[in-house]
C-alpha atoms as a PDB file:
ATOM      1  CA  MET A   1      18.938  56.481  20.472  1.00  0.00           C
ATOM      2  CA  LYS A   2      19.806  54.189  23.312  1.00  0.00           C
ATOM      3  CA  TYR A   3      21.292  50.725  22.614  1.00  0.00           C
ATOM      4  CA  ILE A   4      20.852  47.820  24.968  1.00  0.00           C
ATOM      5  CA  LEU A   5      24.111  46.063  25.566  1.00  0.00           C
ATOM      6  CA  ASN A   6      23.462  42.509  26.689  1.00  0.00           C
ATOM      7  CA  ARG A   7      26.595  40.430  26.676  1.00  0.00           C
ATOM      8  CA  ARG A   8      25.397  37.773  29.081  1.00  0.00           C
ATOM      9  CA  GLY A   9      23.945  35.406  26.413  1.00  0.00           C
ATOM     10  CA  PHE A  10      20.638  33.583  26.517  1.00  0.00           C
ATOM     11  CA  THR A  11      18.574  33.058  29.626  1.00  0.00           C
ATOM     12  CA  LEU A  12      17.519  29.604  30.752  1.00  0.00           C
ATOM     13  CA  ILE A  13      13.910  30.267  29.683  1.00  0.00           C
ATOM     14  CA  GLU A  14      15.007  31.234  26.168  1.00  0.00           C
ATOM     15  CA  VAL A  15      17.099  28.066  25.829  1.00  0.00           C
ATOM     16  CA  LEU A  16      14.252  25.857  27.088  1.00  0.00           C
ATOM     17  CA  VAL A  17      11.717  27.492  24.737  1.00  0.00           C
ATOM     18  CA  GLY A  18      14.117  27.024  21.817  1.00  0.00           C
ATOM     19  CA  MET A  19      14.648  23.347  22.683  1.00  0.00           C
ATOM     20  CA  LEU A  20      10.885  22.838  23.034  1.00  0.00           C
ATOM     21  CA  LEU A  21      10.238  24.324  19.588  1.00  0.00           C
ATOM     22  CA  LEU A  22      12.989  22.197  18.074  1.00  0.00           C
ATOM     23  CA  MET A  23      11.525  19.042  19.658  1.00  0.00           C
ATOM     24  CA  ILE A  24       8.012  19.799  18.405  1.00  0.00           C
ATOM     25  CA  ILE A  25       9.263  20.334  14.848  1.00  0.00           C
ATOM     26  CA  SER A  26      11.484  17.233  14.913  1.00  0.00           C
ATOM     27  CA  ILE A  27       8.651  15.010  16.228  1.00  0.00           C
ATOM     28  CA  SER A  28       6.320  16.084  13.425  1.00  0.00           C
ATOM     29  CA  VAL A  29       8.988  15.511  10.771  1.00  0.00           C
ATOM     30  CA  LEU A  30       9.909  12.143  12.290  1.00  0.00           C
ATOM     31  CA  SER A  31       6.275  11.013  12.190  1.00  0.00           C
ATOM     32  CA  LEU A  32       6.128  11.870   8.475  1.00  0.00           C
ATOM     33  CA  PHE A  33       9.202   9.744   7.771  1.00  0.00           C
ATOM     34  CA  THR A  34       7.854   6.872   9.881  1.00  0.00           C
ATOM     35  CA  HIS A  35       4.513   6.898   8.082  1.00  0.00           C
ATOM     36  CA  GLY A  36       6.253   6.993   4.706  1.00  0.00           C
ATOM     37  CA  TYR A  37       8.458   4.036   5.649  1.00  0.00           C
ATOM     38  CA  MET A  38       5.419   2.014   6.759  1.00  0.00           C
ATOM     39  CA  GLN A  39       3.649   2.707   3.455  1.00  0.00           C
ATOM     40  CA  ILE A  40       6.720   1.683   1.451  1.00  0.00           C
ATOM     41  CA  ASN A  41       7.056  -1.517   3.485  1.00  0.00           C
ATOM     42  CA  ARG A  42       3.356  -2.371   2.999  1.00  0.00           C
ATOM     43  CA  SER A  43       3.583  -1.697  -0.724  1.00  0.00           C
ATOM     44  CA  GLY A  44       6.641  -3.943  -1.008  1.00  0.00           C
ATOM     45  CA  SER A  45       4.846  -6.779   0.795  1.00  0.00           C
ATOM     46  CA  ARG A  46       1.864  -6.451  -1.529  1.00  0.00           C
ATOM     47  CA  SER A  47       4.100  -6.449  -4.607  1.00  0.00           C
ATOM     48  CA  LYS A  48       5.788  -9.646  -3.439  1.00  0.00           C
ATOM     49  CA  ALA A  49       2.399 -11.270  -2.830  1.00  0.00           C
ATOM     50  CA  VAL A  50       1.122 -10.307  -6.295  1.00  0.00           C
ATOM     51  CA  PHE A  51       4.329 -11.672  -7.831  1.00  0.00           C
ATOM     52  CA  THR A  52       3.778 -14.967  -5.965  1.00  0.00           C
ATOM     53  CA  VAL A  53       0.204 -15.117  -7.260  1.00  0.00           C
ATOM     54  CA  GLN A  54       1.436 -14.558 -10.804  1.00  0.00           C
ATOM     55  CA  GLN A  55       3.981 -17.351 -10.395  1.00  0.00           C
ATOM     56  CA  ASN A  56       1.222 -19.663  -9.123  1.00  0.00           C
ATOM     57  CA  ILE A  57      -0.852 -18.879 -12.184  1.00  0.00           C
ATOM     58  CA  GLU A  58       2.070 -19.574 -14.516  1.00  0.00           C
ATOM     59  CA  THR A  59       2.865 -22.901 -12.854  1.00  0.00           C
ATOM     60  CA  ALA A  60      -0.826 -23.904 -12.771  1.00  0.00           C
ATOM     61  CA  ASN A  61      -0.957 -23.950  -8.979  1.00  0.00           C
ATOM     62  CA  ILE A  62      -4.546 -22.719  -8.965  1.00  0.00           C
ATOM     63  CA  ASN A  63      -7.858 -23.431  -7.303  1.00  0.00           C
ATOM     64  CA  VAL A  64     -10.623 -25.452  -8.907  1.00  0.00           C
ATOM     65  CA  PRO A  65     -12.283 -23.346 -11.592  1.00  0.00           C
ATOM     66  CA  THR A  66     -15.821 -22.086 -11.257  1.00  0.00           C
ATOM     67  CA  GLN A  67     -17.906 -22.498 -14.381  1.00  0.00           C
ATOM     68  CA  GLY A  68     -20.278 -19.819 -15.529  1.00  0.00           C
ATOM     69  CA  ASN A  69     -21.444 -17.623 -18.359  1.00  0.00           C
ATOM     70  CA  LEU A  70     -20.366 -14.150 -19.302  1.00  0.00           C
ATOM     71  CA  THR A  71     -22.720 -11.963 -21.335  1.00  0.00           C
ATOM     72  CA  VAL A  72     -21.127  -9.213 -23.403  1.00  0.00           C
ATOM     73  CA  LYS A  73     -23.150  -6.540 -25.163  1.00  0.00           C
ATOM     74  CA  PHE A  74     -21.467  -5.674 -28.446  1.00  0.00           C
ATOM     75  CA  GLY A  75     -22.991  -3.794 -31.353  1.00  0.00           C
ATOM     76  CA  GLY A  76     -26.502  -4.029 -29.956  1.00  0.00           C
ATOM     77  CA  ARG A  77     -26.240  -7.815 -29.608  1.00  0.00           C
ATOM     78  CA  ASN A  78     -25.808  -9.878 -26.457  1.00  0.00           C
ATOM     79  CA  ILE A  79     -23.090 -12.497 -26.804  1.00  0.00           C
ATOM     80  CA  THR A  80     -22.953 -15.210 -24.139  1.00  0.00           C
ATOM     81  CA  LEU A  81     -19.622 -16.909 -23.532  1.00  0.00           C
ATOM     82  CA  ALA A  82     -19.056 -20.047 -21.460  1.00  0.00           C
ATOM     83  CA  ILE A  83     -16.115 -19.407 -19.146  1.00  0.00           C
ATOM     84  CA  ASN A  84     -14.143 -20.937 -16.304  1.00  0.00           C
ATOM     85  CA  THR A  85     -13.221 -18.504 -13.541  1.00  0.00           C
ATOM     86  CA  PHE A  86     -10.007 -18.968 -11.562  1.00  0.00           C
ATOM     87  CA  LYS A  87      -9.112 -17.141  -8.370  1.00  0.00           C
ATOM     88  CA  VAL A  88      -5.658 -17.286  -6.822  1.00  0.00           C
ATOM     89  CA  GLU A  89      -4.954 -15.770  -3.387  1.00  0.00           C
ATOM     90  CA  VAL A  90      -1.809 -15.309  -1.332  1.00  0.00           C
ATOM     91  CA  ASP A  91      -1.651 -14.012   2.249  1.00  0.00           C
ATOM     92  CA  TYR A  92       0.862 -11.280   3.013  1.00  0.00           C
ATOM     93  CA  GLY A  93       1.637  -9.061   5.934  1.00  0.00           C
ATOM     94  CA  GLN A  94       0.829  -9.575   9.575  1.00  0.00           C
ATOM     95  CA  ALA A  95      -2.713  -8.169   9.406  1.00  0.00           C
ATOM     96  CA  GLY A  96      -4.112 -11.048   7.338  1.00  0.00           C
ATOM     97  CA  ASN A  97      -4.064  -9.103   4.072  1.00  0.00           C
ATOM     98  CA  LYS A  98      -4.590 -11.020   0.850  1.00  0.00           C
ATOM     99  CA  ALA A  99      -3.546 -10.395  -2.721  1.00  0.00           C
ATOM    100  CA  SER A 100      -5.806 -12.072  -5.243  1.00  0.00           C
ATOM    101  CA  ILE A 101      -6.043 -12.300  -9.001  1.00  0.00           C
ATOM    102  CA  LEU A 102      -9.199 -13.356 -10.790  1.00  0.00           C
ATOM    103  CA  TYR A 103      -8.877 -14.512 -14.369  1.00  0.00           C
ATOM    104  CA  PHE A 104     -11.106 -16.167 -16.946  1.00  0.00           C
ATOM    105  CA  GLU A 105     -10.696 -18.952 -19.459  1.00  0.00           C
ATOM    106  CA  LEU A 106     -13.022 -19.481 -22.400  1.00  0.00           C
ATOM    107  CA  ARG A 107     -14.548 -22.984 -22.522  1.00  0.00           C
ATOM    108  CA  ASN A 108     -15.103 -24.811 -25.782  1.00  0.00           C
END
């Protein structure tokens, strides 16, 4: 059996191919981290906006209510309730996104 003795090291082509493979792998991994960071940032902005909406509801900083009726079917019977509908919106993010909460209040 004949052994090849190569003590010269790597050729330039082998080094360039190795660097190219390393760059391709690192770019794909970097894009995954970047996308994950963007999603976390967007989720944080939305959470802050929803929290602001909830604070507006608690401090009665709300829009004028819309009056209407809500019909609920319960036990084979239709029950009609007179309600006020409130909608609170807050803008968040740079793309014009909005967080909104819609809640109801029973009228007398």
